[in-house]
Amino acid sequence: MLLDAQRYRQAHQTYDRSPRGMRRPNQDRSLAALLPVLDGTMPVVMYADREREIARALDLAQEFKLRPIIAGGLEAGKIAERLGTNKVPVLLSLNFPRRTTAALPEADAEPIRILRERVEAPKTAAKLVAARVPFAFQSGALTNMADFSANLIRAIENGLSREDALRALTIWPAQILGVADRLGTIEPGKIANLTITRGDLFDRNARISHVFIDGRSIDLRPEPAAGQAGAATGTWALSVNLGSGEIAVTLVLQQEGERARGSIQGGLGSAEIANASTSAGGDVRFTVPATIEGRTTEATFAGRITGNEMQGTVNIVGRAPGSFTGTKAGAPATPVASPTPPGEFRAAVSTNTNLSGTWVLTLLVGLQTYPGTLKLDQSGTAITGVLQSPFGTTKLTGGKVDADGFHFIAREPLAGRVVEMAVDGNADANEIHGTVRSEIGFARFTGTRQT
């Protein structure tokens, strides 16, 4: 395209110098739009994360004498010297690499390259400052904006000064984007966009107290909810049924008025959602690329939120419609009424049933099944015990039996942190079944008592 634009520019320059007797060159608005780029009057933002990608972008810019701006810049620290020498700015992403799924005992160890990326990403900003590379922070398509400030603090903890962190949020982006004459610093005559915090701006406990846009104070109090407005925001543990068993999916949603954004992780793969919308009545709808049986296709979710529960349908091109149910993480589960499949227990624990003993479990996580063992000791309505699974061994806490079944909490060390899992189940003589819900997903289990 750049080569075509060069020829397009040359043809028009030749015609403009001596139009008489020459055929007028054809008009091409796509190529004409690139002329300011070739002339160096318009910068070009090039998305590049890897060192090799950034080097190629710089080579391209050098060949065509462009004004490049690198966006992303995951490995910009590795090529900081060249960036600094050529005075090429970087829009540095704060969407740092992280583990998105729980580590399974049978999974292969992660490559050293992946582990190194997680360690090195927070150090990049300090390396750019040391090499005198102009840079500014950007969100990098974060789905949880709370990670923006958290990762900014990580960059400070890895060598970036607080003063330079502030500059990378204010004056430096204004300079890179050519608007420093009106934005970026607090000066007479500039636009009064101000954020005032209670406590240090980069303290993890800082709170925003006032915001001014164009000199006008903005009310930070949330607007009164209308119906279910805002109810979609949060982390949802979904159970998706496409006709071949339950699939555990974690859905992260951020509602903004009637629009929403977010992502999914789990049995359907990891992807950003699109075309997401919500309504005051609690309706929610979005599409997402879903990986099913090794193929990626578009899935459309349409459902309704009632309190902390969500249920609806899933439509995938070429497949029969499916269904899904879900519970918001951190909220007490409220059973959603649905037809009882043949052979599935719905009765609570019988008053004559004592759960003491060893139960052999089958855990259904997504489309995978895992063995487990549950050792229980019941005394009255209190239960204690140990849960063993491929994910580890943990003592049970908060165990109890009531009219709705049995309940306990299991805390498992996953992905370098402790994940709290709420287990709810029912028993009938020597058989049990139930669900496991946590912030990382949803699973089901069945079990038989050893005799």
Protein backbone atom coordinates (compact mmCIF):
# COMPACT_ATOMS: atom_id res chain seq x y z
CA MET A 1 0.00 0.00 0.00
CA LEU A 2 2.82 2.43 0.81
CA LEU A 3 4.56 1.61 -2.47
CA ASP A 4 1.28 2.14 -4.33
CA ALA A 5 0.81 5.44 -2.49
CA GLN A 6 4.29 6.54 -3.56
CA ARG A 7 3.48 5.82 -7.21
CA TYR A 8 0.11 7.54 -6.80
CA ARG A 9 1.83 10.65 -5.39
CA GLN A 10 4.43 10.65 -8.16
CA ALA A 11 1.77 10.33 -10.89
CA HIS A 12 -0.18 13.29 -9.50
CA GLN A 13 2.95 15.39 -9.07
CA THR A 14 3.94 14.72 -12.67
CA TYR A 15 0.47 15.63 -13.90
CA ASP A 16 0.34 18.79 -11.76
CA ARG A 17 3.65 20.01 -13.22
CA SER A 18 2.55 19.58 -16.83
CA PRO A 19 -1.10 18.58 -17.26
CA ARG A 20 -1.41 19.56 -20.92
CA GLY A 21 -1.48 16.54 -23.19
CA MET A 22 -1.48 14.07 -20.25
CA ARG A 23 -4.24 11.83 -19.05
CA ARG A 24 -5.37 12.80 -15.56
CA PRO A 25 -4.47 10.07 -12.99
CA ASN A 26 -7.34 8.14 -11.46
CA GLN A 27 -8.52 9.19 -8.01
CA ASP A 28 -8.06 6.68 -5.17
CA ARG A 29 -9.15 7.93 -1.75
CA SER A 30 -7.49 5.01 0.04
CA LEU A 31 -4.09 5.91 -1.42
CA ALA A 32 -4.73 9.65 -1.05
CA ALA A 33 -5.29 9.09 2.68
CA LEU A 34 -1.71 7.78 2.95
CA LEU A 35 -0.09 10.87 1.40
CA PRO A 36 0.16 12.75 4.75
CA VAL A 37 1.80 9.62 6.15
CA LEU A 38 4.43 9.59 3.38
CA ASP A 39 4.95 13.33 3.78
CA GLY A 40 5.66 12.88 7.50
CA THR A 41 2.87 15.20 8.59
CA MET A 42 0.78 12.39 10.10
CA PRO A 43 2.22 9.78 12.51
CA VAL A 44 1.47 6.07 12.11
CA VAL A 45 0.52 3.93 15.12
CA MET A 46 1.97 0.44 14.63
CA TYR A 47 0.78 -2.33 16.95
CA ALA A 48 3.81 -4.43 17.87
CA ASP A 49 4.59 -6.41 21.01
CA ARG A 50 7.50 -8.74 20.21
CA GLU A 51 11.04 -7.46 19.77
CA ARG A 52 11.08 -8.78 16.20
CA GLU A 53 7.76 -7.09 15.39
CA ILE A 54 8.97 -3.77 16.76
CA ALA A 55 12.22 -4.05 14.76
CA ARG A 56 10.23 -4.72 11.57
CA ALA A 57 8.00 -1.71 12.28
CA LEU A 58 11.09 0.49 12.71
CA ASP A 59 12.62 -0.89 9.50
CA LEU A 60 9.40 -0.11 7.61
CA ALA A 61 9.29 3.40 9.06
CA GLN A 62 12.93 4.00 8.11
CA GLU A 63 12.39 2.77 4.54
CA PHE A 64 9.43 5.10 3.91
CA LYS A 65 10.55 7.93 6.24
CA LEU A 66 7.45 7.59 8.41
CA ARG A 67 6.74 8.99 11.87
CA PRO A 68 6.04 5.76 13.81
CA ILE A 69 4.40 5.32 17.20
CA ILE A 70 4.66 1.81 18.67
CA ALA A 71 1.53 0.59 20.48
CA GLY A 72 1.54 -2.41 22.83
CA GLY A 73 5.29 -2.66 23.33
CA LEU A 74 5.39 -5.78 25.50
CA GLU A 75 9.08 -6.34 24.64
CA ALA A 76 9.93 -2.70 23.97
CA GLY A 77 12.51 -2.86 26.75
CA LYS A 78 14.60 -5.26 24.66
CA ILE A 79 14.91 -2.74 21.85
CA ALA A 80 14.80 0.42 23.97
CA GLU A 81 18.18 1.70 22.78
CA ARG A 82 17.07 1.80 19.13
CA LEU A 83 13.72 3.34 20.07
CA GLY A 84 15.51 6.03 22.05
CA THR A 85 18.05 6.77 19.33
CA ASN A 86 15.28 7.21 16.74
CA LYS A 87 13.02 9.06 19.25
CA VAL A 88 10.14 6.69 18.50
CA PRO A 89 7.32 6.99 21.11
CA VAL A 90 5.62 3.97 22.67
CA LEU A 91 2.01 3.67 23.83
CA LEU A 92 2.82 1.08 26.48
CA SER A 93 0.07 -1.39 27.36
CA LEU A 94 -0.75 -2.01 31.02
CA ASN A 95 -2.55 -5.23 30.08
CA PHE A 96 0.30 -7.35 31.46
CA PRO A 97 0.49 -11.09 30.64
CA ARG A 98 -1.06 -13.27 33.31
CA ARG A 99 -2.34 -16.78 33.81
CA THR A 100 -5.97 -16.92 32.72
CA THR A 101 -6.85 -20.48 33.76
CA ALA A 102 -6.18 -22.65 36.77
CA ALA A 103 -3.11 -24.88 36.63
CA LEU A 104 -4.00 -28.56 36.43
CA PRO A 105 -1.67 -31.20 37.90
CA GLU A 106 -1.58 -33.20 34.66
CA ALA A 107 -0.89 -30.14 32.47
CA ASP A 108 2.56 -29.57 30.97
CA ALA A 109 4.72 -26.99 32.69
CA GLU A 110 4.48 -23.54 31.14
CA PRO A 111 7.39 -22.56 28.88
CA ILE A 112 10.14 -20.42 30.40
CA ARG A 113 9.35 -17.76 27.76
CA ILE A 114 5.82 -17.33 29.11
CA LEU A 115 6.99 -17.16 32.73
CA ARG A 116 9.69 -14.65 31.80
CA GLU A 117 7.16 -12.43 30.02
CA ARG A 118 5.09 -12.13 33.21
CA VAL A 119 8.16 -11.16 35.21
CA GLU A 120 9.61 -8.73 32.68
CA ALA A 121 6.44 -6.86 31.61
CA PRO A 122 6.27 -4.59 34.71
CA LYS A 123 9.96 -3.65 34.20
CA THR A 124 9.53 -2.28 30.66
CA ALA A 125 8.45 1.24 31.65
CA ALA A 126 11.59 1.81 33.74
CA LYS A 127 13.76 0.53 30.86
CA LEU A 128 12.13 2.99 28.46
CA VAL A 129 12.81 5.89 30.83
CA ALA A 130 16.46 4.81 31.17
CA ALA A 131 16.80 4.79 27.35
CA ARG A 132 15.05 8.20 27.04
CA VAL A 133 12.19 6.70 25.04
CA PRO A 134 9.05 8.89 25.10
CA PHE A 135 6.13 6.75 26.21
CA ALA A 136 2.60 6.90 27.59
CA PHE A 137 0.45 4.29 29.30
CA GLN A 138 -2.62 2.79 27.62
CA SER A 139 -5.18 0.23 28.79
CA GLY A 140 -4.39 -2.38 26.11
CA ALA A 141 -8.00 -3.68 25.92
CA LEU A 142 -8.21 -4.51 29.63
CA THR A 143 -11.58 -6.04 30.51
CA ASN A 144 -11.23 -5.20 34.20
CA MET A 145 -10.20 -1.56 34.52
CA ALA A 146 -9.20 -2.11 38.15
CA ASP A 147 -6.15 -3.87 36.70
CA PHE A 148 -5.02 -0.58 35.13
CA SER A 149 -4.08 1.04 38.44
CA ALA A 150 -2.91 -2.27 39.92
CA ASN A 151 -0.49 -2.87 37.03
CA LEU A 152 0.63 0.76 37.09
CA ILE A 153 1.63 0.26 40.72
CA ARG A 154 3.49 -2.91 39.71
CA ALA A 155 5.47 -0.85 37.19
CA ILE A 156 6.39 1.59 39.98
CA GLU A 157 7.43 -1.30 42.22
CA ASN A 158 9.70 -2.49 39.38
CA GLY A 159 11.77 0.67 39.01
CA LEU A 160 9.54 3.39 37.52
CA SER A 161 9.56 6.58 39.57
CA ARG A 162 6.24 8.03 40.71
CA GLU A 163 7.04 11.29 38.93
CA ASP A 164 7.60 9.52 35.60
CA ALA A 165 4.48 7.40 36.15
CA LEU A 166 2.49 10.63 36.53
CA ARG A 167 4.11 12.09 33.39
CA ALA A 168 3.23 8.91 31.45
CA LEU A 169 -0.42 9.54 32.32
CA THR A 170 -0.47 13.28 31.61
CA ILE A 171 2.09 15.38 29.75
CA TRP A 172 3.88 12.62 27.82
CA PRO A 173 0.75 11.28 26.04
CA ALA A 174 -0.25 14.88 25.27
CA GLN A 175 3.16 15.49 23.69
CA ILE A 176 3.10 12.22 21.72
CA LEU A 177 -0.34 12.98 20.30
CA GLY A 178 0.42 16.63 19.58
CA VAL A 179 -2.02 18.27 22.02
CA ALA A 180 0.40 19.44 24.72
CA ASP A 181 -0.61 23.03 24.00
CA ARG A 182 -4.00 22.39 25.62
CA LEU A 183 -3.69 19.20 27.73
CA GLY A 184 -1.24 17.34 29.94
CA THR A 185 -0.36 19.90 32.63
CA ILE A 186 -2.19 22.23 35.00
CA GLU A 187 -1.48 25.69 33.55
CA PRO A 188 -3.45 28.87 32.84
CA GLY A 189 -5.20 28.65 29.49
CA LYS A 190 -5.22 24.83 29.27
CA ILE A 191 -8.32 22.64 29.48
CA ALA A 192 -9.14 22.00 33.14
CA ASN A 193 -9.44 18.22 33.27
CA LEU A 194 -8.51 17.36 36.86
CA THR A 195 -8.60 14.23 39.01
CA ILE A 196 -8.22 14.66 42.77
CA THR A 197 -7.56 11.69 45.02
CA ARG A 198 -7.78 11.19 48.76
CA GLY A 199 -4.34 9.81 49.56
CA ASP A 200 -1.36 9.25 47.29
CA LEU A 201 -2.40 8.76 43.66
CA PHE A 202 -0.34 5.57 43.40
CA ASP A 203 -1.27 4.10 46.76
CA ARG A 204 -3.32 0.91 46.52
CA ASN A 205 -5.85 2.41 48.96
CA ALA A 206 -6.19 5.78 47.17
CA ARG A 207 -9.73 6.94 46.45
CA ILE A 208 -10.88 9.46 43.82
CA SER A 209 -12.67 12.31 45.56
CA HIS A 210 -13.28 14.85 42.74
CA VAL A 211 -13.21 14.90 38.94
CA PHE A 212 -13.40 18.04 36.78
CA ILE A 213 -13.87 17.88 32.99
CA ASP A 214 -13.52 21.18 31.12
CA GLY A 215 -13.52 22.87 34.52
CA ARG A 216 -16.90 21.43 35.49
CA SER A 217 -17.29 19.22 38.54
CA ILE A 218 -18.56 15.71 37.77
CA ASP A 219 -20.88 13.96 40.22
CA LEU A 220 -19.16 10.68 41.09
CA ARG A 221 -22.19 9.17 42.79
CA PRO A 222 -23.68 6.32 40.76
CA GLU A 223 -27.00 7.07 39.14
CA PRO A 224 -29.99 5.37 40.74
CA ALA A 225 -30.47 1.96 39.18
CA ALA A 226 -33.52 1.54 36.98
CA GLY A 227 -34.76 -2.02 37.14
CA GLN A 228 -31.72 -4.24 36.69
CA ALA A 229 -29.42 -1.52 35.29
CA GLY A 230 -25.85 -2.29 36.32
CA ALA A 231 -26.71 -5.82 37.41
CA ALA A 232 -24.55 -7.37 34.69
CA THR A 233 -21.25 -6.06 36.06
CA GLY A 234 -19.22 -8.75 37.78
CA THR A 235 -17.74 -12.22 37.37
CA TRP A 236 -20.26 -14.93 36.49
CA ALA A 237 -19.82 -18.68 36.80
CA LEU A 238 -21.80 -20.13 33.88
CA SER A 239 -22.82 -23.68 33.12
CA VAL A 240 -23.41 -24.05 29.38
CA ASN A 241 -25.30 -27.05 27.96
CA LEU A 242 -24.93 -27.63 24.21
CA GLY A 243 -26.36 -31.14 24.28
CA SER A 244 -23.15 -32.99 25.16
CA GLY A 245 -22.78 -32.23 28.85
CA GLU A 246 -22.20 -29.21 31.05
CA ILE A 247 -19.39 -26.80 30.09
CA ALA A 248 -17.97 -24.51 32.77
CA VAL A 249 -17.37 -20.94 31.61
CA THR A 250 -16.29 -17.84 33.53
CA LEU A 251 -17.86 -14.65 32.15
CA VAL A 252 -16.48 -11.24 33.17
CA LEU A 253 -18.85 -8.36 32.38
CA GLN A 254 -18.57 -4.59 32.74
CA GLN A 255 -21.88 -2.83 32.13
CA GLU A 256 -21.89 0.79 30.95
CA GLY A 257 -25.47 1.97 30.59
CA GLU A 258 -27.11 -0.27 28.01
CA ARG A 259 -23.77 -1.42 26.62
CA ALA A 260 -21.33 -3.92 28.06
CA ARG A 261 -17.89 -5.36 27.44
CA GLY A 262 -15.98 -8.30 28.83
CA SER A 263 -14.53 -11.73 28.13
CA ILE A 264 -15.03 -15.45 28.65
CA GLN A 265 -12.66 -18.16 29.83
CA GLY A 266 -13.09 -21.85 30.32
CA GLY A 267 -14.52 -24.74 28.35
CA LEU A 268 -15.34 -22.60 25.28
CA GLY A 269 -11.88 -21.02 25.10
CA SER A 270 -10.73 -17.51 25.98
CA ALA A 271 -12.06 -14.56 23.98
CA GLU A 272 -13.43 -11.03 24.15
CA ILE A 273 -17.19 -10.65 23.80
CA ALA A 274 -18.73 -8.38 21.14
CA ASN A 275 -22.05 -6.72 20.36
CA ALA A 276 -22.93 -6.81 24.05
CA SER A 277 -26.07 -5.06 25.24
CA THR A 278 -28.21 -4.93 28.37
CA SER A 279 -31.60 -3.51 29.28
CA ALA A 280 -33.25 -2.01 32.34
CA GLY A 281 -35.34 -5.16 32.59
CA GLY A 282 -32.26 -7.34 33.08
CA ASP A 283 -31.93 -8.71 29.54
CA VAL A 284 -28.36 -9.35 28.39
CA ARG A 285 -27.09 -10.36 24.96
CA PHE A 286 -23.63 -10.78 23.43
CA THR A 287 -21.68 -12.75 20.84
CA VAL A 288 -18.32 -14.42 21.34
CA PRO A 289 -15.94 -16.70 19.39
CA ALA A 290 -16.38 -20.14 20.98
CA THR A 291 -14.10 -23.15 20.52
CA ILE A 292 -16.17 -26.34 20.32
CA GLU A 293 -14.75 -29.74 19.36
CA GLY A 294 -11.60 -28.09 18.06
CA ARG A 295 -13.41 -25.55 15.86
CA THR A 296 -13.99 -21.88 16.57
CA THR A 297 -17.39 -20.46 15.66
CA GLU A 298 -19.60 -17.58 16.79
CA ALA A 299 -21.93 -18.17 19.72
CA THR A 300 -24.78 -15.81 20.62
CA PHE A 301 -25.83 -15.69 24.29
CA ALA A 302 -29.22 -14.22 25.13
CA GLY A 303 -30.58 -14.31 28.66
CA ARG A 304 -32.01 -12.49 31.64
CA ILE A 305 -30.53 -11.51 34.98
CA THR A 306 -32.65 -12.00 38.09
CA GLY A 307 -30.84 -10.85 41.20
CA ASN A 308 -27.53 -12.71 41.21
CA GLU A 309 -28.67 -15.40 38.77
CA MET A 310 -28.53 -15.48 34.98
CA GLN A 311 -30.13 -17.92 32.56
CA GLY A 312 -30.84 -18.01 28.85
CA THR A 313 -30.11 -19.63 25.49
CA VAL A 314 -27.03 -20.13 23.34
CA ASN A 315 -27.30 -20.17 19.55
CA ILE A 316 -24.43 -21.45 17.41
CA VAL A 317 -24.51 -21.65 13.63
CA GLY A 318 -25.00 -25.25 12.51
CA ARG A 319 -25.98 -26.59 15.95
CA ALA A 320 -29.19 -27.02 17.88
CA PRO A 321 -29.86 -24.24 20.41
CA GLY A 322 -28.34 -24.73 23.86
CA SER A 323 -28.93 -23.18 27.28
CA PHE A 324 -26.95 -21.69 30.11
CA THR A 325 -27.36 -20.77 33.76
CA GLY A 326 -25.01 -18.75 35.93
CA THR A 327 -24.35 -17.22 39.33
CA LYS A 328 -22.42 -14.05 40.09
CA ALA A 329 -19.21 -14.77 41.99
CA GLY A 330 -19.35 -13.87 45.65
CA ALA A 331 -23.16 -14.02 45.74
CA PRO A 332 -25.24 -16.69 47.48
CA ALA A 333 -26.53 -19.14 44.93
CA THR A 334 -30.27 -19.16 44.34
CA PRO A 335 -31.41 -22.30 42.53
CA VAL A 336 -33.04 -21.60 39.18
CA ALA A 337 -36.08 -23.70 38.55
CA SER A 338 -35.66 -26.07 35.61
CA PRO A 339 -37.01 -29.41 34.52
CA THR A 340 -35.44 -32.30 36.40
CA PRO A 341 -33.51 -34.59 34.03
CA PRO A 342 -34.30 -38.28 34.39
CA GLY A 343 -32.32 -39.94 37.14
CA GLU A 344 -31.05 -36.67 38.71
CA PHE A 345 -31.67 -36.20 42.43
CA ARG A 346 -33.50 -33.10 43.61
CA ALA A 347 -34.33 -34.20 47.17
CA ALA A 348 -32.57 -32.61 50.11
CA VAL A 349 -30.60 -34.67 52.61
CA SER A 350 -32.96 -37.01 54.35
CA THR A 351 -33.15 -36.59 58.11
CA ASN A 352 -32.29 -40.28 58.30
CA THR A 353 -29.20 -39.94 56.09
CA ASN A 354 -25.84 -39.59 57.83
CA LEU A 355 -23.11 -38.37 55.50
CA SER A 356 -20.24 -39.88 57.49
CA GLY A 357 -18.00 -42.08 55.40
CA THR A 358 -15.84 -42.04 52.28
CA TRP A 359 -17.44 -40.98 49.01
CA VAL A 360 -15.91 -41.73 45.60
CA LEU A 361 -16.53 -38.70 43.37
CA THR A 362 -16.64 -37.92 39.68
CA LEU A 363 -15.95 -34.22 38.99
CA LEU A 364 -17.20 -32.68 35.73
CA VAL A 365 -15.15 -29.58 34.79
CA GLY A 366 -16.09 -28.31 31.34
CA LEU A 367 -16.00 -31.40 29.12
CA GLN A 368 -13.41 -33.15 31.30
CA THR A 369 -14.03 -35.56 34.19
CA TYR A 370 -11.71 -36.08 37.15
CA PRO A 371 -11.77 -38.56 40.06
CA GLY A 372 -12.00 -37.42 43.65
CA THR A 373 -12.55 -38.63 47.19
CA LEU A 374 -14.64 -36.94 49.87
CA LYS A 375 -14.22 -38.07 53.48
CA LEU A 376 -16.99 -36.75 55.73
CA ASP A 377 -17.77 -36.91 59.44
CA GLN A 378 -21.25 -35.70 60.43
CA SER A 379 -22.21 -34.78 63.99
CA GLY A 380 -25.74 -33.46 64.17
CA THR A 381 -26.02 -30.79 61.50
CA ALA A 382 -22.27 -30.10 61.43
CA ILE A 383 -19.92 -31.83 58.97
CA THR A 384 -16.15 -31.91 58.78
CA GLY A 385 -13.84 -33.70 56.42
CA VAL A 386 -11.27 -33.67 53.65
CA LEU A 387 -11.65 -33.32 49.87
CA GLN A 388 -9.04 -35.00 47.66
CA SER A 389 -8.86 -34.36 43.91
CA PRO A 390 -6.23 -33.96 41.17
CA PHE A 391 -6.18 -30.28 42.15
CA GLY A 392 -4.99 -31.01 45.70
CA THR A 393 -6.12 -31.98 49.20
CA THR A 394 -7.98 -29.53 51.41
CA LYS A 395 -9.79 -29.56 54.73
CA LEU A 396 -13.42 -28.51 54.66
CA THR A 397 -14.69 -25.48 56.55
CA GLY A 398 -18.16 -24.18 57.34
CA GLY A 399 -19.70 -27.60 56.80
CA LYS A 400 -23.37 -27.99 57.64
CA VAL A 401 -26.51 -29.91 56.73
CA ASP A 402 -29.91 -28.25 56.39
CA ALA A 403 -33.21 -28.71 54.61
CA ASP A 404 -31.63 -27.73 51.28
CA GLY A 405 -28.78 -30.26 51.44
CA PHE A 406 -25.16 -30.11 52.60
CA HIS A 407 -22.76 -27.21 52.20
CA PHE A 408 -19.10 -26.52 52.86
CA ILE A 409 -16.18 -24.41 51.70
CA ALA A 410 -12.97 -25.82 50.18
CA ARG A 411 -9.93 -23.61 49.71
CA GLU A 412 -7.53 -24.79 47.01
CA PRO A 413 -4.11 -23.29 46.10
CA LEU A 414 -4.45 -22.57 42.35
CA ALA A 415 -2.37 -20.35 40.06
CA GLY A 416 -0.25 -19.09 42.94
CA ARG A 417 -3.17 -18.07 45.15
CA VAL A 418 -5.87 -19.62 47.30
CA VAL A 419 -9.25 -19.97 45.57
CA GLU A 420 -12.37 -20.36 47.70
CA MET A 421 -14.88 -22.88 46.33
CA ALA A 422 -18.46 -23.17 47.58
CA VAL A 423 -19.72 -26.77 47.48
CA ASP A 424 -23.46 -27.51 47.66
CA GLY A 425 -25.00 -30.94 47.32
CA ASN A 426 -27.81 -33.37 48.05
CA ALA A 427 -27.72 -36.99 49.22
CA ASP A 428 -30.01 -39.96 48.90
CA ALA A 429 -28.87 -43.01 50.82
CA ASN A 430 -25.45 -43.87 49.32
CA GLU A 431 -25.42 -41.41 46.42
CA ILE A 432 -24.67 -37.68 46.33
CA HIS A 433 -24.50 -34.98 43.68
CA GLY A 434 -23.99 -31.23 43.64
CA THR A 435 -22.14 -28.18 42.33
CA VAL A 436 -18.87 -26.36 42.94
CA ARG A 437 -18.78 -22.61 42.34
CA SER A 438 -15.81 -20.25 42.53
CA GLU A 439 -14.41 -17.11 40.91
CA ILE A 440 -12.61 -19.24 38.29
CA GLY A 441 -15.53 -21.34 37.14
CA PHE A 442 -18.32 -23.82 37.75
CA ALA A 443 -18.27 -27.62 38.07
CA ARG A 444 -20.59 -30.49 38.97
CA PHE A 445 -19.99 -33.72 40.87
CA THR A 446 -21.62 -37.04 41.61
CA GLY A 447 -20.51 -39.63 44.14
CA THR A 448 -21.12 -43.03 45.71
CA ARG A 449 -20.41 -44.00 49.32
CA GLN A 450 -17.87 -46.78 49.80
CA THR A 451 -19.40 -49.67 51.71
